[in-house]
Amino acid sequence: EIVSRDWSSDVCSSDLIAPTPNPSLRGNDAGLSTPTYAITGTTNRLNPYGPIPRVYGTRRLFPILAAKPYTETIGNERYMRLLLLVGYGPLKIEDIRIGSTPLSAFDGAEVEIREGWPNDQPITLYTQRIEEDALSIALTASGGWRTITSRPDAREINLDLSFDRGLAFFNDQGGRSNATVEFDAEYREVGAASWQPIPWKAGGDAGFETAGKISIVDSSSSPVRRGGRFDTPETGQYEIRLRRTTVDASNPRLIDTVTLSALRTITNDAPVTMTGLAMVALRLKAYEQINNQLQQISCLASSYLEVWNGSTWSWQLTRNPAWAYCDVLRRRGNTRLISDERIDLPTIRAWAEACETPAQDGQPKWTFDGIVEGGSVVEALRDIASHARARYGIRDGKHSVVRDIPQTVPVLHITPRNSFNYVGRKQFIDLPHALKVRFINPDKDWQEDERIVYADGYSAENAARFETVDMMACTRAEQAWREGRYHLAVGRLRPETHEVYQDVEALRATDGDLVMFAHDVILVGLASGRIKARILAEGMVTGLLLDEPAPM
């Protein structure tokens, strides 16, 4: 019998179901590691002010965007820069894919990985906050000046011009000759009276060399893109205006239609200021194969966790639920939460050793490969513990764990003489013929899978009543089957709950302890009474005198 305690009402109950995990049934609270979180979905997304995920064990995931992606134009080539947040570090990050294709298969792809250690070097592929506005403003001589406005706090401004049909003149021989289109370019701070010529920075594309002027020359029938950039005199918000000075084309042999296609505002703000985060920075060449999959960047992440050997801590790659449980208690990123003195480390270490015990397939008996995002600490602890037949508990004022394990030594004997207000409950439910245990299957590209676990006497031929159990931090079919059998056994063999009230004697039993229980209501035990005296014969105790009859 497993004791649970309600301190608010001084009730001590031998709750036979209490220590078992609460499997997440469809329609109920599915815990913290369910696929409802977008980070475990199929796209990368911006999530401003949202929770930072915490990866435990090993999982494939779609990291959230740590900053807005932006493009840059170099000649006719366009590149995209992205900064992805995988979660609190440290994490081992590998096998980065775009869609289902490894990143290494894409030409010109650059990547920087930061695991989230204190001595990580700064990211260099994405260094400032850049706000990009995608535009499609036609620039014509007849249209005159076209004005756009940057975002606030601009330190540098970039803009792109696009000739989507190309820029060329077709001569009498059918070949292409150079065509030239020129523009005036001015800017001013918002609210200022006078306009100034834009002082283009060196290193931009050809045609952006002269202050206040743009001159694009090409002979291509393919899309032509050019970009220029300039520094602002001081941080602020600016207006930029362009005017085409070349006469609009009227000759069908001339193609020179142009649009202002992008405006980028660069600020001094760092995109991410928090330390201790695992991140990936990418610079990708933008072409059709990538453009269609840019929201499908995934990676394989494995957690480094602190492991306690009985005296010291050390960082290790581990999937052990006990050390994930301990990590939730001890830290959030670089922030320490609960000191080691308030954690029942010996009990958690014993649990960790039990989790490492080899199962029939030779793998550790229990692993936790989940993503915790949001929710309370207690909810996270509950979810992690439930994957290894345990639950959150407090013992001797310390945060601990209550395990469902065989015990032989009772700590308390409860009878009608030391308890009162007995209440007994027994559930009569229609037990399922089988459980559909849902888990994440690495062999199916880390997609949700299902293992059907049949109760004794049932199979695919005669099972008609099914229930679903979610174990979204389980990544092994064998573990899913074993836990499904366990839950079936719990439902069949533990239908009873006994509840009694006690005085100060109830303090002896704590959550998870084994107790002996006898009560006349359930016809368990012959009698209960207090010892009034000893019966002696020649100095030897030959019997005991009780204050109640005890028929034998």
Protein backbone atom coordinates (compact mmCIF):
# COMPACT_ATOMS: atom_id res chain seq x y z
CA GLU A 1 0.00 0.00 0.00
CA ILE A 2 1.29 3.47 -0.89
CA VAL A 3 0.51 6.29 1.49
CA SER A 4 -0.50 9.72 0.24
CA ARG A 5 -1.10 12.65 2.55
CA ASP A 6 -3.41 15.66 2.42
CA TRP A 7 -1.78 18.08 4.86
CA SER A 8 -4.66 20.54 4.70
CA SER A 9 -7.06 18.12 6.43
CA ASP A 10 -4.75 15.73 8.29
CA VAL A 11 -5.96 12.82 6.22
CA CYS A 12 -3.75 9.82 5.63
CA SER A 13 -4.87 7.49 2.88
CA SER A 14 -3.48 4.29 1.54
CA ASP A 15 -4.03 5.28 -2.06
CA LEU A 16 -3.16 2.29 -4.18
CA ILE A 17 -3.20 4.29 -7.42
CA ALA A 18 -1.48 7.47 -6.28
CA PRO A 19 2.17 6.83 -7.23
CA THR A 20 1.48 5.69 -10.74
CA PRO A 21 1.84 8.13 -13.63
CA ASN A 22 -1.30 9.72 -14.90
CA PRO A 23 -1.36 8.69 -18.57
CA SER A 24 -2.55 11.52 -20.78
CA LEU A 25 -5.78 10.46 -22.40
CA ARG A 26 -7.19 12.23 -25.44
CA GLY A 27 -9.29 15.15 -24.30
CA ASN A 28 -7.48 15.52 -20.98
CA ASP A 29 -4.40 17.47 -19.99
CA ALA A 30 -1.64 16.01 -22.12
CA GLY A 31 1.23 17.50 -20.12
CA LEU A 32 4.05 19.66 -21.42
CA SER A 33 5.57 17.47 -24.11
CA THR A 34 2.71 17.20 -26.55
CA PRO A 35 2.96 17.90 -30.28
CA THR A 36 0.65 20.91 -29.85
CA TYR A 37 3.71 23.09 -29.33
CA ALA A 38 4.70 24.67 -32.62
CA ILE A 39 8.37 24.01 -31.99
CA THR A 40 7.73 20.32 -32.50
CA GLY A 41 5.52 21.01 -35.49
CA THR A 42 6.54 21.34 -39.11
CA THR A 43 7.61 24.99 -39.50
CA ASN A 44 9.91 27.58 -38.03
CA ARG A 45 8.08 30.58 -36.62
CA LEU A 46 8.56 33.83 -34.80
CA ASN A 47 7.38 33.66 -31.19
CA PRO A 48 8.04 37.05 -29.58
CA TYR A 49 7.67 37.04 -25.79
CA GLY A 50 6.96 33.30 -25.90
CA PRO A 51 8.61 30.70 -23.67
CA ILE A 52 12.04 29.36 -24.54
CA PRO A 53 11.93 25.61 -25.11
CA ARG A 54 13.97 23.15 -23.07
CA VAL A 55 15.09 20.02 -24.89
CA TYR A 56 15.72 16.87 -22.85
CA GLY A 57 17.14 13.69 -24.28
CA THR A 58 17.33 13.63 -28.08
CA ARG A 59 14.71 15.09 -30.43
CA ARG A 60 14.37 16.38 -33.97
CA LEU A 61 12.70 19.77 -33.89
CA PHE A 62 11.97 22.87 -35.91
CA PRO A 63 13.67 25.72 -34.00
CA ILE A 64 11.86 29.00 -33.56
CA LEU A 65 13.17 32.14 -35.25
CA ALA A 66 15.28 34.19 -32.86
CA ALA A 67 15.04 37.23 -35.17
CA LYS A 68 13.32 38.11 -38.41
CA PRO A 69 15.04 36.64 -41.49
CA TYR A 70 16.31 39.10 -44.06
CA THR A 71 17.70 38.98 -47.57
CA GLU A 72 20.73 40.66 -49.08
CA THR A 73 21.54 41.22 -52.72
CA ILE A 74 25.03 40.74 -54.15
CA GLY A 75 24.93 41.32 -57.90
CA ASN A 76 22.09 39.26 -59.28
CA GLU A 77 22.31 36.77 -56.41
CA ARG A 78 20.13 36.98 -53.32
CA TYR A 79 21.03 35.50 -49.95
CA MET A 80 18.94 34.97 -46.85
CA ARG A 81 20.23 35.15 -43.28
CA LEU A 82 18.40 33.42 -40.44
CA LEU A 83 18.95 33.11 -36.71
CA LEU A 84 17.29 30.09 -35.11
CA LEU A 85 16.76 29.44 -31.40
CA VAL A 86 16.89 25.75 -30.50
CA GLY A 87 16.41 26.22 -26.75
CA TYR A 88 18.17 26.61 -23.43
CA GLY A 89 21.69 25.24 -23.69
CA PRO A 90 23.89 23.44 -23.63
CA LEU A 91 22.66 21.25 -26.50
CA LYS A 92 24.49 19.15 -29.04
CA ILE A 93 23.14 20.23 -32.45
CA GLU A 94 23.63 18.12 -35.57
CA ASP A 95 21.99 16.84 -38.77
CA ILE A 96 20.53 20.19 -39.90
CA ARG A 97 18.05 19.75 -42.73
CA ILE A 98 16.00 21.96 -45.02
CA GLY A 99 12.88 19.94 -45.62
CA SER A 100 14.21 16.41 -45.84
CA THR A 101 17.50 17.40 -47.50
CA PRO A 102 20.74 17.74 -45.48
CA LEU A 103 22.11 21.28 -45.34
CA SER A 104 25.38 20.09 -46.87
CA ALA A 105 23.55 19.38 -50.16
CA PHE A 106 22.88 23.10 -50.75
CA ASP A 107 25.60 25.09 -52.50
CA GLY A 108 26.99 28.08 -50.66
CA ALA A 109 25.20 27.36 -47.39
CA GLU A 110 27.02 28.77 -44.35
CA VAL A 111 26.21 27.72 -40.79
CA GLU A 112 27.30 28.66 -37.27
CA ILE A 113 26.29 26.50 -34.30
CA ARG A 114 26.41 27.70 -30.71
CA GLU A 115 25.60 24.98 -28.17
CA GLY A 116 24.92 27.39 -25.31
CA TRP A 117 28.09 27.07 -23.22
CA PRO A 118 29.34 30.10 -21.24
CA ASN A 119 32.50 30.34 -23.39
CA ASP A 120 30.73 30.20 -26.78
CA GLN A 121 32.00 32.70 -29.34
CA PRO A 122 29.54 35.35 -30.58
CA ILE A 123 27.47 34.65 -33.69
CA THR A 124 28.99 36.37 -36.75
CA LEU A 125 26.50 35.49 -39.50
CA TYR A 126 23.71 37.51 -37.87
CA THR A 127 25.01 40.36 -35.74
CA GLN A 128 22.38 43.13 -35.72
CA ARG A 129 18.64 43.48 -35.68
CA ILE A 130 17.46 43.97 -39.24
CA GLU A 131 13.87 44.81 -40.18
CA GLU A 132 13.07 44.08 -43.83
CA ASP A 133 10.09 45.49 -45.71
CA ALA A 134 9.25 43.64 -48.92
CA LEU A 135 8.06 46.16 -51.51
CA SER A 136 6.91 46.30 -55.10
CA ILE A 137 6.93 49.99 -55.99
CA ALA A 138 7.17 50.77 -59.69
CA LEU A 139 9.73 53.47 -60.53
CA THR A 140 8.80 55.41 -63.66
CA ALA A 141 9.85 58.76 -65.04
CA SER A 142 6.23 59.77 -65.38
CA GLY A 143 5.55 58.87 -61.75
CA GLY A 144 8.15 61.27 -60.37
CA TRP A 145 9.46 60.88 -56.84
CA ARG A 146 8.48 57.76 -54.88
CA THR A 147 8.93 58.03 -51.11
CA ILE A 148 9.28 55.31 -48.48
CA THR A 149 9.95 55.44 -44.73
CA SER A 150 12.39 53.33 -42.72
CA ARG A 151 11.71 51.71 -39.36
CA PRO A 152 12.65 53.68 -36.21
CA ASP A 153 16.19 53.68 -34.75
CA ALA A 154 17.85 53.20 -38.14
CA ARG A 155 21.66 53.10 -38.06
CA GLU A 156 22.05 51.85 -41.64
CA ILE A 157 19.58 51.57 -44.53
CA ASN A 158 19.71 49.14 -47.46
CA LEU A 159 17.49 49.12 -50.53
CA ASP A 160 17.12 46.85 -53.58
CA LEU A 161 16.06 47.59 -57.16
CA SER A 162 14.71 44.75 -59.31
CA PHE A 163 14.37 44.48 -63.08
CA ASP A 164 12.24 41.35 -63.06
CA ARG A 165 12.08 41.05 -66.88
CA GLY A 166 15.73 41.93 -67.27
CA LEU A 167 17.55 45.04 -68.50
CA ALA A 168 18.67 45.01 -72.14
CA PHE A 169 18.24 46.42 -75.64
CA PHE A 170 17.70 43.95 -78.50
CA ASN A 171 19.66 45.15 -81.55
CA ASP A 172 19.03 44.55 -85.25
CA GLN A 173 21.08 41.37 -85.23
CA GLY A 174 18.89 39.84 -82.46
CA GLY A 175 21.60 40.19 -79.87
CA ARG A 176 21.44 42.10 -76.62
CA SER A 177 23.17 45.39 -75.97
CA ASN A 178 23.63 47.32 -72.75
CA ALA A 179 20.74 49.38 -71.46
CA THR A 180 21.10 52.05 -68.78
CA VAL A 181 18.58 53.37 -66.27
CA GLU A 182 19.46 56.25 -63.92
CA PHE A 183 17.84 57.59 -60.75
CA ASP A 184 18.12 60.42 -58.26
CA ALA A 185 18.25 59.25 -54.63
CA GLU A 186 17.70 61.48 -51.56
CA TYR A 187 16.87 61.09 -47.88
CA ARG A 188 15.98 63.12 -44.81
CA GLU A 189 15.10 62.46 -41.19
CA VAL A 190 11.37 62.28 -40.57
CA GLY A 191 10.20 65.82 -39.79
CA ALA A 192 13.20 67.55 -41.42
CA ALA A 193 12.57 70.19 -44.08
CA SER A 194 15.35 69.61 -46.62
CA TRP A 195 16.41 66.53 -48.59
CA GLN A 196 20.02 65.37 -48.88
CA PRO A 197 21.72 63.18 -51.50
CA ILE A 198 22.20 59.63 -50.25
CA PRO A 199 25.91 58.99 -49.45
CA TRP A 200 26.30 55.40 -50.70
CA LYS A 201 28.76 53.20 -48.83
CA ALA A 202 31.64 51.59 -50.69
CA GLY A 203 31.37 47.88 -51.35
CA GLY A 204 27.84 47.96 -52.75
CA ASP A 205 26.74 46.82 -56.18
CA ALA A 206 27.83 48.58 -59.36
CA GLY A 207 25.78 51.72 -59.99
CA PHE A 208 25.73 52.93 -56.38
CA GLU A 209 29.05 54.81 -56.37
CA THR A 210 27.96 58.48 -56.72
CA ALA A 211 26.18 60.27 -53.86
CA GLY A 212 22.58 60.97 -54.72
CA LYS A 213 22.71 58.99 -57.98
CA ILE A 214 22.02 55.42 -59.15
CA SER A 215 23.06 54.14 -62.58
CA ILE A 216 22.26 50.53 -63.50
CA VAL A 217 23.76 49.07 -66.69
CA ASP A 218 23.18 45.54 -67.98
CA SER A 219 22.35 43.47 -71.06
CA SER A 220 20.44 40.57 -69.55
CA SER A 221 16.98 39.21 -70.26
CA SER A 222 17.03 37.41 -66.91
CA PRO A 223 16.03 39.19 -63.70
CA VAL A 224 18.54 41.86 -62.67
CA ARG A 225 18.86 42.96 -59.05
CA ARG A 226 21.06 45.63 -57.56
CA GLY A 227 21.36 46.95 -54.03
CA GLY A 228 22.96 49.85 -52.22
CA ARG A 229 23.37 50.90 -48.58
CA PHE A 230 24.24 53.99 -46.58
CA ASP A 231 24.82 55.00 -42.97
CA THR A 232 22.51 57.51 -41.33
CA PRO A 233 24.02 60.61 -39.63
CA GLU A 234 22.43 59.58 -36.35
CA THR A 235 20.05 56.93 -35.12
CA GLY A 236 16.47 57.76 -36.08
CA GLN A 237 13.69 57.25 -38.61
CA TYR A 238 14.26 58.40 -42.19
CA GLU A 239 12.40 59.02 -45.42
CA ILE A 240 13.98 57.87 -48.67
CA ARG A 241 12.83 59.00 -52.10
CA LEU A 242 13.84 57.85 -55.60
CA ARG A 243 13.10 59.38 -59.00
CA ARG A 244 13.76 57.77 -62.35
CA THR A 245 15.52 60.24 -64.62
CA THR A 246 15.78 57.97 -67.67
CA VAL A 247 12.82 58.30 -69.99
CA ASP A 248 10.32 55.43 -69.78
CA ALA A 249 10.82 52.88 -72.56
CA SER A 250 8.55 53.16 -75.59
CA ASN A 251 10.63 50.96 -77.92
CA PRO A 252 9.52 47.28 -77.72
CA ARG A 253 13.15 46.27 -78.15
CA LEU A 254 14.02 47.86 -74.80
CA ILE A 255 13.21 46.14 -71.49
CA ASP A 256 13.89 48.29 -68.45
CA THR A 257 10.86 48.06 -66.14
CA VAL A 258 12.09 48.47 -62.57
CA THR A 259 10.64 48.27 -59.06
CA LEU A 260 11.88 49.18 -55.62
CA SER A 261 11.70 45.67 -54.14
CA ALA A 262 13.08 45.84 -50.59
CA LEU A 263 13.98 48.26 -47.80
CA ARG A 264 16.01 47.13 -44.80
CA THR A 265 16.47 49.03 -41.57
CA ILE A 266 19.54 48.04 -39.53
CA THR A 267 19.76 49.06 -35.88
CA ASN A 268 22.45 48.84 -33.22
CA ASP A 269 20.38 46.37 -31.21
CA ALA A 270 21.77 42.87 -30.87
CA PRO A 271 19.15 40.34 -32.04
CA VAL A 272 19.56 38.21 -28.88
CA THR A 273 21.06 39.47 -25.62
CA MET A 274 20.42 36.48 -23.36
CA THR A 275 23.32 34.09 -22.82
CA GLY A 276 23.20 30.33 -22.37
CA LEU A 277 21.04 29.70 -25.45
CA ALA A 278 21.64 27.11 -28.15
CA MET A 279 21.34 28.79 -31.55
CA VAL A 280 21.99 28.22 -35.24
CA ALA A 281 22.82 31.02 -37.71
CA LEU A 282 22.47 30.37 -41.45
CA ARG A 283 23.31 32.19 -44.66
CA LEU A 284 21.59 30.55 -47.62
CA LYS A 285 21.59 31.32 -51.30
CA ALA A 286 18.01 32.09 -52.30
CA TYR A 287 16.93 29.98 -55.22
CA GLU A 288 13.75 28.08 -55.93
CA GLN A 289 14.74 24.80 -54.29
CA ILE A 290 15.37 26.57 -50.97
CA ASN A 291 12.68 29.26 -51.21
CA ASN A 292 9.92 26.66 -51.06
CA GLN A 293 11.31 25.12 -47.85
CA LEU A 294 12.70 28.02 -45.84
CA GLN A 295 10.18 27.45 -43.05
CA GLN A 296 11.11 23.77 -42.77
CA ILE A 297 14.57 23.91 -41.20
CA SER A 298 15.05 21.20 -38.58
CA CYS A 299 17.90 19.83 -36.52
CA LEU A 300 18.67 16.99 -34.14
CA ALA A 301 19.28 18.27 -30.60
CA SER A 302 20.62 16.30 -27.61
CA SER A 303 20.81 17.64 -24.08
CA TYR A 304 23.89 18.05 -21.94
CA LEU A 305 22.75 17.77 -18.32
CA GLU A 306 24.52 17.90 -14.99
CA VAL A 307 24.84 14.41 -13.49
CA TRP A 308 25.52 13.85 -9.77
CA ASN A 309 27.78 10.93 -8.83
CA GLY A 310 27.14 11.20 -5.10
CA SER A 311 29.64 13.99 -4.43
CA THR A 312 30.17 16.16 -7.53
CA TRP A 313 28.34 17.30 -10.66
CA SER A 314 29.56 16.81 -14.24
CA TRP A 315 28.08 17.69 -17.65
CA GLN A 316 27.10 14.66 -19.72
CA LEU A 317 25.00 13.86 -22.77
CA THR A 318 22.11 11.97 -21.20
CA ARG A 319 18.50 10.93 -21.84
CA ASN A 320 17.90 9.88 -18.24
CA PRO A 321 14.58 11.26 -16.92
CA ALA A 322 16.02 11.61 -13.40
CA TRP A 323 18.61 14.17 -14.51
CA ALA A 324 16.03 16.01 -16.63
CA TYR A 325 13.86 16.13 -13.50
CA CYS A 326 16.78 17.48 -11.49
CA ASP A 327 17.59 20.07 -14.18
CA VAL A 328 14.04 21.47 -14.05
CA LEU A 329 14.44 21.90 -10.29
CA ARG A 330 17.92 23.42 -10.36
CA ARG A 331 18.03 25.88 -13.26
CA ARG A 332 16.39 27.72 -16.12
CA GLY A 333 19.16 28.50 -18.58
CA ASN A 334 21.86 30.28 -16.56
CA THR A 335 19.45 31.14 -13.75
CA ARG A 336 19.62 28.96 -10.65
CA LEU A 337 16.25 28.10 -9.12
CA ILE A 338 16.52 25.69 -6.17
CA SER A 339 19.71 25.00 -4.24
CA ASP A 340 21.04 21.44 -3.92
CA GLU A 341 20.38 21.52 -0.16
CA ARG A 342 16.64 21.58 -0.87
CA ILE A 343 16.70 18.60 -3.26
CA ASP A 344 16.65 14.94 -2.21
CA LEU A 345 19.65 14.03 -4.34
CA PRO A 346 20.26 10.48 -2.99
CA THR A 347 16.70 9.44 -3.87
CA ILE A 348 16.93 11.02 -7.34
CA ARG A 349 20.29 9.34 -7.93
CA ALA A 350 18.81 5.95 -7.00
CA TRP A 351 16.00 6.64 -9.45
CA ALA A 352 18.56 7.54 -12.15
CA GLU A 353 20.36 4.22 -11.61
CA ALA A 354 17.05 2.37 -11.93
CA CYS A 355 16.34 4.20 -15.21
CA GLU A 356 19.71 3.04 -16.58
CA THR A 357 18.95 -0.60 -15.81
CA PRO A 358 18.92 -2.46 -19.16
CA ALA A 359 15.52 -3.55 -20.43
CA GLN A 360 14.92 -6.65 -22.54
CA ASP A 361 16.10 -4.86 -25.68
CA GLY A 362 19.39 -3.92 -23.98
CA GLN A 363 18.50 -0.20 -23.90
CA PRO A 364 18.00 1.79 -20.68
CA LYS A 365 14.69 0.91 -19.09
CA TRP A 366 13.38 4.49 -19.17
CA THR A 367 14.41 7.51 -21.21
CA PHE A 368 12.88 10.96 -21.59
CA ASP A 369 13.20 12.58 -25.03
CA GLY A 370 10.90 15.54 -24.74
CA ILE A 371 10.56 19.28 -25.21
CA VAL A 372 9.25 21.33 -22.30
CA GLU A 373 7.83 24.69 -23.37
CA GLY A 374 5.88 26.83 -20.97
CA GLY A 375 3.79 25.62 -18.04
CA SER A 376 4.76 25.52 -14.38
CA VAL A 377 7.74 23.77 -12.83
CA VAL A 378 5.44 21.29 -11.07
CA GLU A 379 3.74 20.41 -14.35
CA ALA A 380 7.11 19.77 -15.96
CA LEU A 381 8.25 17.62 -13.04
CA ARG A 382 5.03 15.64 -13.15
CA ASP A 383 5.35 15.02 -16.88
CA ILE A 384 8.99 13.91 -16.70
CA ALA A 385 8.40 11.62 -13.72
CA SER A 386 5.35 10.01 -15.33
CA HIS A 387 7.55 8.59 -18.10
CA ALA A 388 9.53 6.56 -15.53
CA ARG A 389 6.80 5.31 -13.15
CA ALA A 390 7.23 8.05 -10.59
CA ARG A 391 5.74 11.35 -9.51
CA TYR A 392 6.76 14.57 -7.82
CA GLY A 393 6.89 14.51 -4.02
CA ILE A 394 8.39 16.19 -0.96
CA ARG A 395 10.26 14.19 1.67
CA ASP A 396 11.67 15.73 4.85
CA GLY A 397 11.11 19.19 3.41
CA LYS A 398 13.11 18.44 0.26
CA HIS A 399 11.98 18.19 -3.34
CA SER A 400 12.02 14.51 -4.14
CA VAL A 401 10.37 11.83 -6.23
CA VAL A 402 7.90 9.10 -5.31
CA ARG A 403 8.58 5.85 -7.18
CA ASP A 404 6.28 2.92 -7.72
CA ILE A 405 8.57 0.10 -6.53
CA PRO A 406 8.11 -3.02 -4.38
CA GLN A 407 8.67 -2.43 -0.65
CA THR A 408 8.95 -4.86 2.29
CA VAL A 409 9.28 -2.78 5.46
CA PRO A 410 6.11 -0.93 6.61
CA VAL A 411 6.53 2.33 8.48
CA LEU A 412 3.08 2.36 10.12
CA HIS A 413 0.25 0.01 11.09
CA ILE A 414 -3.18 1.62 10.66
CA THR A 415 -6.13 0.15 12.58
CA PRO A 416 -9.49 1.44 13.86
CA ARG A 417 -7.77 2.16 17.23
CA ASN A 418 -5.41 4.79 15.81
CA SER A 419 -7.60 6.18 13.01
CA PHE A 420 -11.13 7.45 12.45
CA ASN A 421 -13.55 8.58 9.72
CA TYR A 422 -12.68 5.68 7.44
CA VAL A 423 -13.82 5.99 3.81
CA GLY A 424 -13.25 3.24 1.26
CA ARG A 425 -13.73 3.48 -2.49
CA LYS A 426 -13.58 0.92 -5.23
CA GLN A 427 -13.86 1.75 -8.90
CA PHE A 428 -15.89 -0.48 -11.17
CA ILE A 429 -14.95 0.54 -14.68
CA ASP A 430 -15.04 -1.05 -18.09
CA LEU A 431 -11.37 -1.75 -18.63
CA PRO A 432 -10.11 -1.29 -22.18
CA HIS A 433 -9.24 -4.31 -24.25
CA ALA A 434 -6.15 -2.49 -25.51
CA LEU A 435 -4.28 0.80 -25.21
CA LYS A 436 -3.09 2.84 -28.16
CA VAL A 437 0.18 4.25 -26.86
CA ARG A 438 1.31 7.22 -28.92
CA PHE A 439 5.01 8.02 -29.03
CA ILE A 440 7.60 9.71 -31.25
CA ASN A 441 9.30 7.29 -33.64
CA PRO A 442 12.83 8.20 -34.80
CA ASP A 443 12.63 5.45 -37.43
CA LYS A 444 9.77 7.34 -39.09
CA ASP A 445 11.58 10.67 -39.26
CA TRP A 446 10.56 11.59 -35.70
CA GLN A 447 6.86 11.57 -36.48
CA GLU A 448 4.10 10.52 -34.11
CA ASP A 449 3.53 6.76 -34.13
CA GLU A 450 1.28 4.32 -32.29
CA ARG A 451 1.83 1.00 -30.53
CA ILE A 452 -1.25 -1.07 -29.71
CA VAL A 453 -0.88 -2.91 -26.39
CA TYR A 454 -3.45 -5.64 -25.76
CA ALA A 455 -4.72 -6.73 -22.36
CA ASP A 456 -4.50 -10.37 -21.42
CA GLY A 457 -6.94 -12.46 -23.42
CA TYR A 458 -7.32 -9.94 -26.24
CA SER A 459 -5.76 -9.54 -29.68
CA ALA A 460 -6.48 -7.82 -32.97
CA GLU A 461 -9.22 -10.39 -33.62
CA ASN A 462 -11.41 -9.74 -30.57
CA ALA A 463 -10.41 -6.33 -29.06
CA ALA A 464 -13.22 -3.77 -29.37
CA ARG A 465 -12.64 -1.25 -26.58
CA PHE A 466 -9.59 1.02 -26.98
CA GLU A 467 -8.21 3.99 -25.09
CA THR A 468 -5.35 6.27 -26.10
CA VAL A 469 -2.34 7.13 -23.96
CA ASP A 470 0.03 9.93 -24.99
CA MET A 471 3.72 9.45 -24.19
CA MET A 472 5.19 12.19 -26.34
CA ALA A 473 8.60 12.04 -24.69
CA CYS A 474 8.93 8.32 -25.40
CA THR A 475 10.93 7.50 -28.54
CA ARG A 476 11.11 3.69 -28.37
CA ALA A 477 8.35 1.28 -29.34
CA GLU A 478 9.56 -1.25 -26.75
CA GLN A 479 9.27 1.30 -23.93
CA ALA A 480 5.83 2.36 -25.19
CA TRP A 481 4.68 -1.29 -25.13
CA ARG A 482 6.09 -1.89 -21.64
CA GLU A 483 4.43 1.20 -20.19
CA GLY A 484 1.16 0.29 -21.87
CA ARG A 485 1.23 -3.11 -20.15
CA TYR A 486 2.00 -1.39 -16.87
CA HIS A 487 -1.00 0.94 -17.15
CA LEU A 488 -3.29 -1.96 -18.02
CA ALA A 489 -2.09 -3.78 -14.90
CA VAL A 490 -2.63 -0.68 -12.75
CA GLY A 491 -6.21 -0.33 -13.95
CA ARG A 492 -6.97 -3.98 -13.25
CA LEU A 493 -5.12 -4.54 -9.97
CA ARG A 494 -5.43 -1.21 -8.17
CA PRO A 495 -9.09 -0.22 -8.11
CA GLU A 496 -9.30 0.54 -4.36
CA THR A 497 -8.64 3.66 -2.27
CA HIS A 498 -8.78 3.68 1.54
CA GLU A 499 -8.88 6.96 3.45
CA VAL A 500 -8.56 7.51 7.19
CA TYR A 501 -7.94 10.40 9.55
CA GLN A 502 -5.25 10.22 12.25
CA ASP A 503 -3.79 12.47 14.89
CA VAL A 504 -0.06 13.17 15.26
CA GLU A 505 0.75 9.53 14.50
CA ALA A 506 0.05 10.27 10.81
CA LEU A 507 3.30 12.25 10.67
CA ARG A 508 5.20 8.96 10.68
CA ALA A 509 4.09 8.04 7.16
CA THR A 510 5.02 10.16 4.19
CA ASP A 511 4.05 10.07 0.54
CA GLY A 512 5.12 6.79 -1.02
CA ASP A 513 5.70 4.81 2.19
CA LEU A 514 4.48 1.25 2.72
CA VAL A 515 1.95 0.83 5.57
CA MET A 516 -0.01 -2.08 7.01
CA PHE A 517 -3.75 -1.58 7.11
CA ALA A 518 -6.41 -3.51 9.03
CA HIS A 519 -10.06 -2.53 9.42
CA ASP A 520 -13.26 -4.30 10.37
CA VAL A 521 -15.27 -2.54 7.66
CA ILE A 522 -13.38 -4.36 4.92
CA LEU A 523 -12.91 -7.48 7.06
CA VAL A 524 -9.13 -7.23 7.07
CA GLY A 525 -7.55 -8.29 10.39
CA LEU A 526 -9.05 -10.20 13.33
CA ALA A 527 -9.13 -7.46 15.94
CA SER A 528 -7.39 -4.33 17.14
CA GLY A 529 -6.62 -3.27 20.70
CA ARG A 530 -4.10 -1.75 23.04
CA ILE A 531 -1.87 -3.82 25.35
CA LYS A 532 -2.99 -3.31 28.95
CA ALA A 533 -0.54 -5.67 30.63
CA ARG A 534 1.87 -8.52 30.23
CA ILE A 535 1.13 -12.04 31.53
CA LEU A 536 4.23 -13.42 33.30
CA ALA A 537 5.11 -16.92 34.36
CA GLU A 538 8.39 -17.53 36.17
CA GLY A 539 9.68 -14.21 34.91
CA MET A 540 8.84 -14.99 31.29
CA VAL A 541 6.20 -13.20 29.19
CA THR A 542 3.64 -15.85 28.26
CA GLY A 543 0.84 -13.63 27.04
CA LEU A 544 -0.57 -10.15 26.57
CA LEU A 545 -3.75 -8.66 27.98
CA LEU A 546 -5.65 -6.50 25.46
CA ASP A 547 -8.44 -4.01 26.08
CA GLU A 548 -10.53 -5.61 23.32
CA PRO A 549 -11.54 -9.22 22.65
CA ALA A 550 -9.29 -10.88 20.10
CA PRO A 551 -10.85 -14.13 18.90
CA MET A 552 -8.32 -16.46 17.33
